[in-house]
């Protein structure tokens, strides 16, 4: 039996379709934005806000089961993830700008009065700079930028005026010192002319005369000439109202420390010079705050405000210690130990 040749049209169709692969092949040509490959099947991705619990079994279907993200988790785009992403948690020094939703992560920013530059690793929000008395504000502090200040034109005039005030104060001090010295010399001359039985015994002080008669003004000057020396009044012991939080809230008060004394202060607290120098690139207020945080972490739960005040007293910085103590009491962070 003679075989009949295939029709010409059928031969042309086979030659065109077979070699070019125009017949659909499983698993090829999945869309990366909308589909994913499961075995040799292209499955549709689960929509934003959900996750894939199990893959599809037929091409062009969504995951066999797409489940909504739990509270506190999200997926922002169509996906084939088994798990949703955990929402960002704002730190204590930050506030929430945008709450987390199933399709969008939370956003945080530094609280008012603090900032963190976006080009730096934001491990902690820094305190905004405050313009000094001889500076004026150029730009307010934001959550991502520090305060900008510049010197005022009147600062030079102010500095000159301060020089005059200091000069006049020195002249006044010299005049008062001269008057006291003259009174002291007169008193010694009077004592040297008196008889031995009229002089007071050693170690005793003659009471100030109260006679308002002639010479009374001179006698009052002689009493004033006794060297003045304040006794070291006992410094009260303070008790924290709210534990460690009370101590940390008082760190800002230590900006009162004289710039020329702050290194001696931190050395006295056991902070080594290398650590102190590592904060030199910060504004003075931030440097003091960061070094106090380092000290607190080093000492641990034993750290108290009394330790810091005692360090100031040891360095003859009683005025600063008094200022810190008064602010801590006034703001209600500490109270005097009864």
C-alpha atoms as a PDB file:
ATOM      1  CA  UNK A   1       0.000   0.000   0.000  1.00  0.00           C
ATOM      2  CA  UNK A   2       1.444   3.359  -1.024  1.00  0.00           C
ATOM      3  CA  UNK A   3       1.681   6.044   1.754  1.00  0.00           C
ATOM      4  CA  UNK A   4       0.098   9.335   0.883  1.00  0.00           C
ATOM      5  CA  UNK A   5       2.231  12.468   1.518  1.00  0.00           C
ATOM      6  CA  UNK A   6       1.100  14.964   4.201  1.00  0.00           C
ATOM      7  CA  UNK A   7      -0.628  18.026   2.940  1.00  0.00           C
ATOM      8  CA  UNK A   8       1.710  20.928   2.284  1.00  0.00           C
ATOM      9  CA  UNK A   9      -0.120  23.238   4.717  1.00  0.00           C
ATOM     10  CA  UNK A  10       0.320  20.774   7.639  1.00  0.00           C
ATOM     11  CA  UNK A  11       4.058  20.472   6.954  1.00  0.00           C
ATOM     12  CA  UNK A  12       4.495  24.230   7.014  1.00  0.00           C
ATOM     13  CA  UNK A  13       2.570  24.496  10.332  1.00  0.00           C
ATOM     14  CA  UNK A  14       4.706  21.828  12.028  1.00  0.00           C
ATOM     15  CA  UNK A  15       7.925  23.400  10.835  1.00  0.00           C
ATOM     16  CA  UNK A  16       6.922  26.819  12.198  1.00  0.00           C
ATOM     17  CA  UNK A  17       5.591  25.778  15.619  1.00  0.00           C
ATOM     18  CA  UNK A  18       7.844  22.909  16.644  1.00  0.00           C
ATOM     19  CA  UNK A  19      11.373  24.367  16.506  1.00  0.00           C
ATOM     20  CA  UNK A  20      10.476  27.833  17.802  1.00  0.00           C
ATOM     21  CA  UNK A  21       8.936  26.537  21.047  1.00  0.00           C
ATOM     22  CA  UNK A  22       5.704  28.401  20.547  1.00  0.00           C
ATOM     23  CA  UNK A  23       3.869  25.677  22.380  1.00  0.00           C
ATOM     24  CA  UNK A  24       3.492  26.765  26.103  1.00  0.00           C
ATOM     25  CA  UNK A  25       5.945  25.074  28.460  1.00  0.00           C
ATOM     26  CA  UNK A  26       5.234  24.796  32.208  1.00  0.00           C
ATOM     27  CA  UNK A  27       7.313  26.999  34.596  1.00  0.00           C
ATOM     28  CA  UNK A  28       8.719  29.385  31.960  1.00  0.00           C
ATOM     29  CA  UNK A  29       7.897  33.108  31.593  1.00  0.00           C
ATOM     30  CA  UNK A  30       6.714  33.905  35.189  1.00  0.00           C
ATOM     31  CA  UNK A  31       6.262  37.635  35.842  1.00  0.00           C
ATOM     32  CA  UNK A  32       8.687  38.668  38.604  1.00  0.00           C
ATOM     33  CA  UNK A  33       6.402  41.406  39.925  1.00  0.00           C
ATOM     34  CA  UNK A  34       3.155  39.471  40.011  1.00  0.00           C
ATOM     35  CA  UNK A  35       4.082  35.774  39.991  1.00  0.00           C
ATOM     36  CA  UNK A  36       6.494  33.313  41.534  1.00  0.00           C
ATOM     37  CA  UNK A  37       7.499  29.788  40.538  1.00  0.00           C
ATOM     38  CA  UNK A  38       6.342  26.846  42.602  1.00  0.00           C
ATOM     39  CA  UNK A  39       7.845  23.738  41.078  1.00  0.00           C
ATOM     40  CA  UNK A  40       7.049  24.132  37.356  1.00  0.00           C
ATOM     41  CA  UNK A  41       3.926  26.251  37.968  1.00  0.00           C
ATOM     42  CA  UNK A  42       3.664  30.072  37.909  1.00  0.00           C
ATOM     43  CA  UNK A  43       1.564  31.146  40.917  1.00  0.00           C
ATOM     44  CA  UNK A  44       0.192  34.625  41.545  1.00  0.00           C
ATOM     45  CA  UNK A  45       1.787  36.355  44.547  1.00  0.00           C
ATOM     46  CA  UNK A  46      -0.242  37.146  47.666  1.00  0.00           C
ATOM     47  CA  UNK A  47      -1.306  40.820  47.904  1.00  0.00           C
ATOM     48  CA  UNK A  48       0.306  43.371  50.270  1.00  0.00           C
ATOM     49  CA  UNK A  49      -0.809  42.920  53.857  1.00  0.00           C
ATOM     50  CA  UNK A  50      -0.919  39.129  53.552  1.00  0.00           C
ATOM     51  CA  UNK A  51       1.492  36.211  53.428  1.00  0.00           C
ATOM     52  CA  UNK A  52       1.511  32.860  51.594  1.00  0.00           C
ATOM     53  CA  UNK A  53       0.358  30.035  53.829  1.00  0.00           C
ATOM     54  CA  UNK A  54       0.692  27.431  51.021  1.00  0.00           C
ATOM     55  CA  UNK A  55       1.528  27.661  47.271  1.00  0.00           C
ATOM     56  CA  UNK A  56      -0.898  27.165  44.395  1.00  0.00           C
ATOM     57  CA  UNK A  57      -1.163  23.939  42.373  1.00  0.00           C
ATOM     58  CA  UNK A  58      -2.281  25.339  39.026  1.00  0.00           C
ATOM     59  CA  UNK A  59      -0.725  28.107  36.913  1.00  0.00           C
ATOM     60  CA  UNK A  60      -2.301  31.540  37.175  1.00  0.00           C
ATOM     61  CA  UNK A  61      -3.807  31.013  40.629  1.00  0.00           C
ATOM     62  CA  UNK A  62      -2.901  32.829  43.849  1.00  0.00           C
ATOM     63  CA  UNK A  63      -1.351  30.926  46.681  1.00  0.00           C
ATOM     64  CA  UNK A  64      -3.676  28.188  47.717  1.00  0.00           C
ATOM     65  CA  UNK A  65      -4.014  30.095  50.949  1.00  0.00           C
ATOM     66  CA  UNK A  66      -3.029  33.786  51.590  1.00  0.00           C
ATOM     67  CA  UNK A  67      -3.407  34.832  55.245  1.00  0.00           C
ATOM     68  CA  UNK A  68      -3.553  38.404  56.627  1.00  0.00           C
ATOM     69  CA  UNK A  69      -0.565  39.635  58.644  1.00  0.00           C
ATOM     70  CA  UNK A  70      -0.939  39.495  62.433  1.00  0.00           C
ATOM     71  CA  UNK A  71      -0.993  42.685  64.524  1.00  0.00           C
ATOM     72  CA  UNK A  72       2.483  44.205  64.718  1.00  0.00           C
ATOM     73  CA  UNK A  73       3.582  42.741  61.357  1.00  0.00           C
ATOM     74  CA  UNK A  74       3.279  43.856  57.728  1.00  0.00           C
ATOM     75  CA  UNK A  75       4.116  43.174  54.059  1.00  0.00           C
ATOM     76  CA  UNK A  76       4.348  46.256  51.860  1.00  0.00           C
ATOM     77  CA  UNK A  77       4.235  44.590  48.426  1.00  0.00           C
ATOM     78  CA  UNK A  78       2.789  41.544  46.663  1.00  0.00           C
ATOM     79  CA  UNK A  79       4.865  38.597  47.888  1.00  0.00           C
ATOM     80  CA  UNK A  80       5.365  34.880  48.311  1.00  0.00           C
ATOM     81  CA  UNK A  81       6.759  35.168  51.863  1.00  0.00           C
ATOM     82  CA  UNK A  82       5.875  32.592  54.470  1.00  0.00           C
ATOM     83  CA  UNK A  83       6.053  35.224  57.241  1.00  0.00           C
ATOM     84  CA  UNK A  84       5.182  38.915  57.574  1.00  0.00           C
ATOM     85  CA  UNK A  85       7.821  41.444  58.693  1.00  0.00           C
ATOM     86  CA  UNK A  86       7.865  42.723  62.273  1.00  0.00           C
ATOM     87  CA  UNK A  87       6.918  46.402  62.653  1.00  0.00           C
ATOM     88  CA  UNK A  88       9.536  48.917  63.831  1.00  0.00           C
ATOM     89  CA  UNK A  89       9.431  49.795  67.555  1.00  0.00           C
ATOM     90  CA  UNK A  90      10.217  53.425  68.471  1.00  0.00           C
ATOM     91  CA  UNK A  91      12.880  53.993  71.159  1.00  0.00           C
ATOM     92  CA  UNK A  92      12.086  55.904  74.395  1.00  0.00           C
ATOM     93  CA  UNK A  93      13.745  59.032  72.949  1.00  0.00           C
ATOM     94  CA  UNK A  94      11.551  58.864  69.814  1.00  0.00           C
ATOM     95  CA  UNK A  95       7.891  59.428  69.013  1.00  0.00           C
ATOM     96  CA  UNK A  96       5.637  57.719  66.457  1.00  0.00           C
ATOM     97  CA  UNK A  97       5.062  59.663  63.236  1.00  0.00           C
ATOM     98  CA  UNK A  98       3.071  56.953  61.465  1.00  0.00           C
ATOM     99  CA  UNK A  99       1.590  53.854  63.073  1.00  0.00           C
ATOM    100  CA  UNK A 100       2.257  50.419  61.591  1.00  0.00           C
ATOM    101  CA  UNK A 101      -0.461  48.898  59.373  1.00  0.00           C
ATOM    102  CA  UNK A 102      -0.653  45.478  57.648  1.00  0.00           C
ATOM    103  CA  UNK A 103       0.656  47.109  54.426  1.00  0.00           C
ATOM    104  CA  UNK A 104       3.105  49.702  55.834  1.00  0.00           C
ATOM    105  CA  UNK A 105       5.834  49.829  58.492  1.00  0.00           C
ATOM    106  CA  UNK A 106       5.828  52.338  61.356  1.00  0.00           C
ATOM    107  CA  UNK A 107       7.860  55.568  61.191  1.00  0.00           C
ATOM    108  CA  UNK A 108       9.631  57.152  64.154  1.00  0.00           C
ATOM    109  CA  UNK A 109      11.417  60.450  64.753  1.00  0.00           C
ATOM    110  CA  UNK A 110      13.275  62.098  67.625  1.00  0.00           C
ATOM    111  CA  UNK A 111      11.143  63.781  70.261  1.00  0.00           C
ATOM    112  CA  UNK A 112      11.001  67.621  70.353  1.00  0.00           C
ATOM    113  CA  UNK A 113      14.276  69.093  71.595  1.00  0.00           C
ATOM    114  CA  UNK A 114      16.355  66.253  70.157  1.00  0.00           C
ATOM    115  CA  UNK A 115      17.618  65.342  66.692  1.00  0.00           C
ATOM    116  CA  UNK A 116      19.429  62.668  64.697  1.00  0.00           C
ATOM    117  CA  UNK A 117      21.107  63.427  61.347  1.00  0.00           C
ATOM    118  CA  UNK A 118      19.916  60.965  58.646  1.00  0.00           C
ATOM    119  CA  UNK A 119      23.438  60.472  57.269  1.00  0.00           C
ATOM    120  CA  UNK A 120      24.622  59.151  60.655  1.00  0.00           C
ATOM    121  CA  UNK A 121      23.805  55.949  62.544  1.00  0.00           C
ATOM    122  CA  UNK A 122      20.922  57.029  64.756  1.00  0.00           C
ATOM    123  CA  UNK A 123      21.600  54.956  67.868  1.00  0.00           C
ATOM    124  CA  UNK A 124      20.473  57.767  70.178  1.00  0.00           C
ATOM    125  CA  UNK A 125      18.814  61.154  69.647  1.00  0.00           C
ATOM    126  CA  UNK A 126      21.079  64.054  70.614  1.00  0.00           C
ATOM    127  CA  UNK A 127      19.985  67.119  72.499  1.00  0.00           C
ATOM    128  CA  UNK A 128      19.459  70.208  70.342  1.00  0.00           C
ATOM    129  CA  UNK A 129      22.032  72.977  70.710  1.00  0.00           C
ATOM    130  CA  UNK A 130      20.971  76.144  72.530  1.00  0.00           C
ATOM    131  CA  UNK A 131      22.251  79.490  71.281  1.00  0.00           C
ATOM    132  CA  UNK A 132      24.446  81.342  73.770  1.00  0.00           C
ATOM    133  CA  UNK A 133      23.846  84.860  74.998  1.00  0.00           C
ATOM    134  CA  UNK A 134      26.055  86.428  72.324  1.00  0.00           C
ATOM    135  CA  UNK A 135      24.476  84.391  69.492  1.00  0.00           C
ATOM    136  CA  UNK A 136      21.252  84.588  67.517  1.00  0.00           C
ATOM    137  CA  UNK A 137      19.132  81.779  66.070  1.00  0.00           C
ATOM    138  CA  UNK A 138      19.584  81.023  62.358  1.00  0.00           C
ATOM    139  CA  UNK A 139      17.552  77.810  62.096  1.00  0.00           C
ATOM    140  CA  UNK A 140      15.430  75.952  64.619  1.00  0.00           C
ATOM    141  CA  UNK A 141      16.241  72.394  65.570  1.00  0.00           C
ATOM    142  CA  UNK A 142      14.208  69.665  63.848  1.00  0.00           C
ATOM    143  CA  UNK A 143      14.064  65.908  64.301  1.00  0.00           C
ATOM    144  CA  UNK A 144      16.847  65.533  61.674  1.00  0.00           C
ATOM    145  CA  UNK A 145      18.891  68.758  61.988  1.00  0.00           C
ATOM    146  CA  UNK A 146      20.576  70.543  64.888  1.00  0.00           C
ATOM    147  CA  UNK A 147      20.051  74.183  65.829  1.00  0.00           C
ATOM    148  CA  UNK A 148      22.134  76.726  63.914  1.00  0.00           C
ATOM    149  CA  UNK A 149      23.406  79.879  65.645  1.00  0.00           C
ATOM    150  CA  UNK A 150      25.668  82.781  64.705  1.00  0.00           C
ATOM    151  CA  UNK A 151      27.427  85.538  66.612  1.00  0.00           C
ATOM    152  CA  UNK A 152      25.487  88.783  66.949  1.00  0.00           C
ATOM    153  CA  UNK A 153      26.974  92.130  65.957  1.00  0.00           C
ATOM    154  CA  UNK A 154      26.382  93.356  69.476  1.00  0.00           C
ATOM    155  CA  UNK A 155      28.521  90.577  70.970  1.00  0.00           C
ATOM    156  CA  UNK A 156      31.732  92.595  70.494  1.00  0.00           C
ATOM    157  CA  UNK A 157      30.141  95.613  72.161  1.00  0.00           C
ATOM    158  CA  UNK A 158      28.908  93.379  74.961  1.00  0.00           C
ATOM    159  CA  UNK A 159      32.380  91.926  75.466  1.00  0.00           C
ATOM    160  CA  UNK A 160      33.814  95.445  75.758  1.00  0.00           C
ATOM    161  CA  UNK A 161      31.142  96.365  78.299  1.00  0.00           C
ATOM    162  CA  UNK A 162      31.912  93.238  80.304  1.00  0.00           C
ATOM    163  CA  UNK A 163      35.554  94.288  80.359  1.00  0.00           C
ATOM    164  CA  UNK A 164      34.600  97.629  81.879  1.00  0.00           C
ATOM    165  CA  UNK A 165      32.435  95.921  84.503  1.00  0.00           C
ATOM    166  CA  UNK A 166      35.269  93.569  85.459  1.00  0.00           C
ATOM    167  CA  UNK A 167      37.712  96.462  85.639  1.00  0.00           C
ATOM    168  CA  UNK A 168      35.437  98.516  87.885  1.00  0.00           C
ATOM    169  CA  UNK A 169      34.848  95.483  90.089  1.00  0.00           C
ATOM    170  CA  UNK A 170      38.583  95.032  90.551  1.00  0.00           C
ATOM    171  CA  UNK A 171      39.003  98.722  91.448  1.00  0.00           C
ATOM    172  CA  UNK A 172      36.168  98.472  93.974  1.00  0.00           C
ATOM    173  CA  UNK A 173      37.735  95.357  95.491  1.00  0.00           C
ATOM    174  CA  UNK A 174      41.102  97.125  95.845  1.00  0.00           C
ATOM    175  CA  UNK A 175      39.461 100.138  97.531  1.00  0.00           C
ATOM    176  CA  UNK A 176      37.569  97.956 100.001  1.00  0.00           C
ATOM    177  CA  UNK A 177      40.699  95.918 100.663  1.00  0.00           C
ATOM    178  CA  UNK A 178      42.649  99.124 101.331  1.00  0.00           C
ATOM    179  CA  UNK A 179      40.042 100.325 103.807  1.00  0.00           C
ATOM    180  CA  UNK A 180      40.106  96.998 105.639  1.00  0.00           C
ATOM    181  CA  UNK A 181      43.910  97.036 105.734  1.00  0.00           C
ATOM    182  CA  UNK A 182      43.973 100.568 107.154  1.00  0.00           C
ATOM    183  CA  UNK A 183      41.478  99.566 109.862  1.00  0.00           C
ATOM    184  CA  UNK A 184      43.593  96.564 110.739  1.00  0.00           C
ATOM    185  CA  UNK A 185      46.754  98.707 111.017  1.00  0.00           C
ATOM    186  CA  UNK A 186      44.988 101.195 113.286  1.00  0.00           C
ATOM    187  CA  UNK A 187      43.752  98.415 115.495  1.00  0.00           C
ATOM    188  CA  UNK A 188      47.236  96.968 115.854  1.00  0.00           C
ATOM    189  CA  UNK A 189      48.637 100.417 116.723  1.00  0.00           C
ATOM    190  CA  UNK A 190      45.950 100.870 119.363  1.00  0.00           C
ATOM    191  CA  UNK A 191      46.622  97.438 120.845  1.00  0.00           C
ATOM    192  CA  UNK A 192      50.379  98.094 120.985  1.00  0.00           C
ATOM    193  CA  UNK A 193      49.841 101.300 123.011  1.00  0.00           C
ATOM    194  CA  UNK A 194      47.527  99.636 125.496  1.00  0.00           C
ATOM    195  CA  UNK A 195      48.720  98.043 128.742  1.00  0.00           C
ATOM    196  CA  UNK A 196      49.257  94.327 128.923  1.00  0.00           C
ATOM    197  CA  UNK A 197      46.361  93.777 131.345  1.00  0.00           C
ATOM    198  CA  UNK A 198      43.940  95.464 128.929  1.00  0.00           C
ATOM    199  CA  UNK A 199      44.740  93.090 126.075  1.00  0.00           C
ATOM    200  CA  UNK A 200      42.594  90.011 125.499  1.00  0.00           C
ATOM    201  CA  UNK A 201      43.978  86.585 126.217  1.00  0.00           C
ATOM    202  CA  UNK A 202      45.396  84.553 123.376  1.00  0.00           C
ATOM    203  CA  UNK A 203      42.773  82.606 121.467  1.00  0.00           C
ATOM    204  CA  UNK A 204      39.928  84.942 122.477  1.00  0.00           C
ATOM    205  CA  UNK A 205      38.283  87.613 120.352  1.00  0.00           C
ATOM    206  CA  UNK A 206      37.370  91.012 121.669  1.00  0.00           C
ATOM    207  CA  UNK A 207      33.683  91.688 121.113  1.00  0.00           C
ATOM    208  CA  UNK A 208      32.759  94.446 118.651  1.00  0.00           C
ATOM    209  CA  UNK A 209      32.026  97.758 120.402  1.00  0.00           C
ATOM    210  CA  UNK A 210      28.438  98.923 120.327  1.00  0.00           C
ATOM    211  CA  UNK A 211      29.177 102.481 121.423  1.00  0.00           C
ATOM    212  CA  UNK A 212      27.699 104.951 118.913  1.00  0.00           C
ATOM    213  CA  UNK A 213      29.758 107.858 120.245  1.00  0.00           C
ATOM    214  CA  UNK A 214      32.726 109.525 118.585  1.00  0.00           C
ATOM    215  CA  UNK A 215      34.922 107.115 116.772  1.00  0.00           C
ATOM    216  CA  UNK A 216      32.052 104.637 116.481  1.00  0.00           C
ATOM    217  CA  UNK A 217      32.409 104.454 112.700  1.00  0.00           C
ATOM    218  CA  UNK A 218      36.094 103.609 113.004  1.00  0.00           C
ATOM    219  CA  UNK A 219      35.324 100.927 115.605  1.00  0.00           C
ATOM    220  CA  UNK A 220      32.720  99.318 113.343  1.00  0.00           C
ATOM    221  CA  UNK A 221      35.310  99.237 110.537  1.00  0.00           C
ATOM    222  CA  UNK A 222      37.752  97.478 112.826  1.00  0.00           C
ATOM    223  CA  UNK A 223      35.159  94.753 113.540  1.00  0.00           C
ATOM    224  CA  UNK A 224      34.506  94.349 109.848  1.00  0.00           C
ATOM    225  CA  UNK A 225      38.204  93.795 109.284  1.00  0.00           C
ATOM    226  CA  UNK A 226      38.080  90.316 110.830  1.00  0.00           C
ATOM    227  CA  UNK A 227      38.891  87.862 108.009  1.00  0.00           C
ATOM    228  CA  UNK A 228      35.690  86.444 106.532  1.00  0.00           C
ATOM    229  CA  UNK A 229      35.587  82.724 105.981  1.00  0.00           C
ATOM    230  CA  UNK A 230      32.385  80.746 105.460  1.00  0.00           C
ATOM    231  CA  UNK A 231      32.109  77.500 107.345  1.00  0.00           C
ATOM    232  CA  UNK A 232      31.582  74.377 105.265  1.00  0.00           C
ATOM    233  CA  UNK A 233      27.914  73.741 105.908  1.00  0.00           C
ATOM    234  CA  UNK A 234      27.021  70.034 105.732  1.00  0.00           C
ATOM    235  CA  UNK A 235      25.631  69.106 102.295  1.00  0.00           C
ATOM    236  CA  UNK A 236      22.255  67.317 102.531  1.00  0.00           C
ATOM    237  CA  UNK A 237      21.830  63.784 101.280  1.00  0.00           C
ATOM    238  CA  UNK A 238      19.224  63.424  98.526  1.00  0.00           C
ATOM    239  CA  UNK A 239      16.811  60.559  97.886  1.00  0.00           C
ATOM    240  CA  UNK A 240      15.579  59.735  94.357  1.00  0.00           C
ATOM    241  CA  UNK A 241      11.814  60.003  93.859  1.00  0.00           C
ATOM    242  CA  UNK A 242      11.764  57.652  90.868  1.00  0.00           C
ATOM    243  CA  UNK A 243      14.945  55.557  91.057  1.00  0.00           C
ATOM    244  CA  UNK A 244      17.331  55.489  88.092  1.00  0.00           C
ATOM    245  CA  UNK A 245      14.993  57.645  85.999  1.00  0.00           C
ATOM    246  CA  UNK A 246      15.390  60.508  88.489  1.00  0.00           C
ATOM    247  CA  UNK A 247      19.188  60.313  88.126  1.00  0.00           C
ATOM    248  CA  UNK A 248      19.084  60.391  84.303  1.00  0.00           C
ATOM    249  CA  UNK A 249      16.707  63.363  84.280  1.00  0.00           C
ATOM    250  CA  UNK A 250      19.276  65.341  86.290  1.00  0.00           C
ATOM    251  CA  UNK A 251      22.103  64.835  83.774  1.00  0.00           C
ATOM    252  CA  UNK A 252      21.168  68.034  81.908  1.00  0.00           C
ATOM    253  CA  UNK A 253      21.797  70.073  85.073  1.00  0.00           C
ATOM    254  CA  UNK A 254      25.520  69.275  84.900  1.00  0.00           C
ATOM    255  CA  UNK A 255      25.904  71.639  81.946  1.00  0.00           C
ATOM    256  CA  UNK A 256      26.626  74.129  84.745  1.00  0.00           C
ATOM    257  CA  UNK A 257      30.092  72.584  85.175  1.00  0.00           C
ATOM    258  CA  UNK A 258      32.833  75.024  84.212  1.00  0.00           C
ATOM    259  CA  UNK A 259      34.346  74.018  80.864  1.00  0.00           C
ATOM    260  CA  UNK A 260      37.838  74.187  82.408  1.00  0.00           C
ATOM    261  CA  UNK A 261      36.818  71.771  85.174  1.00  0.00           C
ATOM    262  CA  UNK A 262      34.820  69.098  83.316  1.00  0.00           C
ATOM    263  CA  UNK A 263      37.830  66.855  82.543  1.00  0.00           C
ATOM    264  CA  UNK A 264      38.964  66.857  86.197  1.00  0.00           C
ATOM    265  CA  UNK A 265      35.367  66.074  87.187  1.00  0.00           C
ATOM    266  CA  UNK A 266      35.104  62.990  84.951  1.00  0.00           C
ATOM    267  CA  UNK A 267      38.608  61.778  85.871  1.00  0.00           C
ATOM    268  CA  UNK A 268      37.467  62.008  89.509  1.00  0.00           C
ATOM    269  CA  UNK A 269      34.533  59.752  88.550  1.00  0.00           C
ATOM    270  CA  UNK A 270      36.921  57.179  87.037  1.00  0.00           C
ATOM    271  CA  UNK A 271      36.433  57.999  83.330  1.00  0.00           C
ATOM    272  CA  UNK A 272      39.745  57.652  81.459  1.00  0.00           C
ATOM    273  CA  UNK A 273      41.100  60.404  79.188  1.00  0.00           C
ATOM    274  CA  UNK A 274      40.645  58.379  75.986  1.00  0.00           C
ATOM    275  CA  UNK A 275      36.904  58.124  76.613  1.00  0.00           C
ATOM    276  CA  UNK A 276      36.677  61.832  77.480  1.00  0.00           C
ATOM    277  CA  UNK A 277      38.522  62.794  74.284  1.00  0.00           C
ATOM    278  CA  UNK A 278      36.273  60.533  72.189  1.00  0.00           C
ATOM    279  CA  UNK A 279      33.407  62.952  72.865  1.00  0.00           C
ATOM    280  CA  UNK A 280      35.314  66.133  71.942  1.00  0.00           C
ATOM    281  CA  UNK A 281      33.533  66.366  68.576  1.00  0.00           C
ATOM    282  CA  UNK A 282      30.150  66.823  70.302  1.00  0.00           C
ATOM    283  CA  UNK A 283      28.623  70.085  71.543  1.00  0.00           C
ATOM    284  CA  UNK A 284      29.553  70.705  75.184  1.00  0.00           C
ATOM    285  CA  UNK A 285      26.064  69.845  76.506  1.00  0.00           C
ATOM    286  CA  UNK A 286      25.955  66.559  74.566  1.00  0.00           C
ATOM    287  CA  UNK A 287      29.486  65.673  75.694  1.00  0.00           C
ATOM    288  CA  UNK A 288      28.575  66.101  79.374  1.00  0.00           C
ATOM    289  CA  UNK A 289      25.380  64.055  78.929  1.00  0.00           C
ATOM    290  CA  UNK A 290      27.072  61.179  77.057  1.00  0.00           C
ATOM    291  CA  UNK A 291      29.942  60.938  79.576  1.00  0.00           C
ATOM    292  CA  UNK A 292      27.462  60.822  82.469  1.00  0.00           C
ATOM    293  CA  UNK A 293      25.627  57.971  80.696  1.00  0.00           C
ATOM    294  CA  UNK A 294      28.953  56.123  80.368  1.00  0.00           C
ATOM    295  CA  UNK A 295      29.640  56.699  84.087  1.00  0.00           C
ATOM    296  CA  UNK A 296      26.178  55.414  85.050  1.00  0.00           C
ATOM    297  CA  UNK A 297      26.623  52.253  82.956  1.00  0.00           C
ATOM    298  CA  UNK A 298      30.048  51.691  84.515  1.00  0.00           C
ATOM    299  CA  UNK A 299      28.870  52.070  88.114  1.00  0.00           C
ATOM    300  CA  UNK A 300      25.540  50.313  87.594  1.00  0.00           C
ATOM    301  CA  UNK A 301      22.747  50.363  90.138  1.00  0.00           C
ATOM    302  CA  UNK A 302      25.029  51.851  92.783  1.00  0.00           C
ATOM    303  CA  UNK A 303      25.155  55.167  90.851  1.00  0.00           C
ATOM    304  CA  UNK A 304      23.443  58.060  92.688  1.00  0.00           C
ATOM    305  CA  UNK A 305      23.210  61.820  92.363  1.00  0.00           C
ATOM    306  CA  UNK A 306      24.963  62.094  95.722  1.00  0.00           C
ATOM    307  CA  UNK A 307      28.119  60.590  94.144  1.00  0.00           C
ATOM    308  CA  UNK A 308      28.162  63.296  91.463  1.00  0.00           C
ATOM    309  CA  UNK A 309      27.558  66.086  93.981  1.00  0.00           C
ATOM    310  CA  UNK A 310      30.331  64.753  96.237  1.00  0.00           C
ATOM    311  CA  UNK A 311      32.729  64.780  93.263  1.00  0.00           C
ATOM    312  CA  UNK A 312      31.913  68.461  92.681  1.00  0.00           C
ATOM    313  CA  UNK A 313      32.479  69.258  96.361  1.00  0.00           C
ATOM    314  CA  UNK A 314      35.820  67.413  96.321  1.00  0.00           C
ATOM    315  CA  UNK A 315      36.896  69.668  93.437  1.00  0.00           C
ATOM    316  CA  UNK A 316      35.783  72.845  95.292  1.00  0.00           C
ATOM    317  CA  UNK A 317      32.844  73.294  92.907  1.00  0.00           C
ATOM    318  CA  UNK A 318      30.290  73.867  95.667  1.00  0.00           C
ATOM    319  CA  UNK A 319      28.449  76.556  93.730  1.00  0.00           C
ATOM    320  CA  UNK A 320      27.779  74.133  90.863  1.00  0.00           C
ATOM    321  CA  UNK A 321      26.790  71.396  93.327  1.00  0.00           C
ATOM    322  CA  UNK A 322      24.296  73.769  94.983  1.00  0.00           C
ATOM    323  CA  UNK A 323      22.819  74.698  91.591  1.00  0.00           C
ATOM    324  CA  UNK A 324      22.359  71.038  90.597  1.00  0.00           C
ATOM    325  CA  UNK A 325      20.850  70.176  93.975  1.00  0.00           C
ATOM    326  CA  UNK A 326      18.338  73.055  93.851  1.00  0.00           C
ATOM    327  CA  UNK A 327      17.191  72.122  90.323  1.00  0.00           C
ATOM    328  CA  UNK A 328      16.790  68.460  91.270  1.00  0.00           C
ATOM    329  CA  UNK A 329      14.637  69.437  94.269  1.00  0.00           C
ATOM    330  CA  UNK A 330      12.648  72.102  92.393  1.00  0.00           C
ATOM    331  CA  UNK A 331      11.779  69.730  89.514  1.00  0.00           C
ATOM    332  CA  UNK A 332      10.645  67.022  91.943  1.00  0.00           C
ATOM    333  CA  UNK A 333      13.203  64.395  90.924  1.00  0.00           C
ATOM    334  CA  UNK A 334      14.784  64.239  94.418  1.00  0.00           C
ATOM    335  CA  UNK A 335      13.932  65.088  98.002  1.00  0.00           C
ATOM    336  CA  UNK A 336      16.088  65.694 101.065  1.00  0.00           C
ATOM    337  CA  UNK A 337      16.704  62.622 103.215  1.00  0.00           C
ATOM    338  CA  UNK A 338      15.003  63.247 106.540  1.00  0.00           C
END
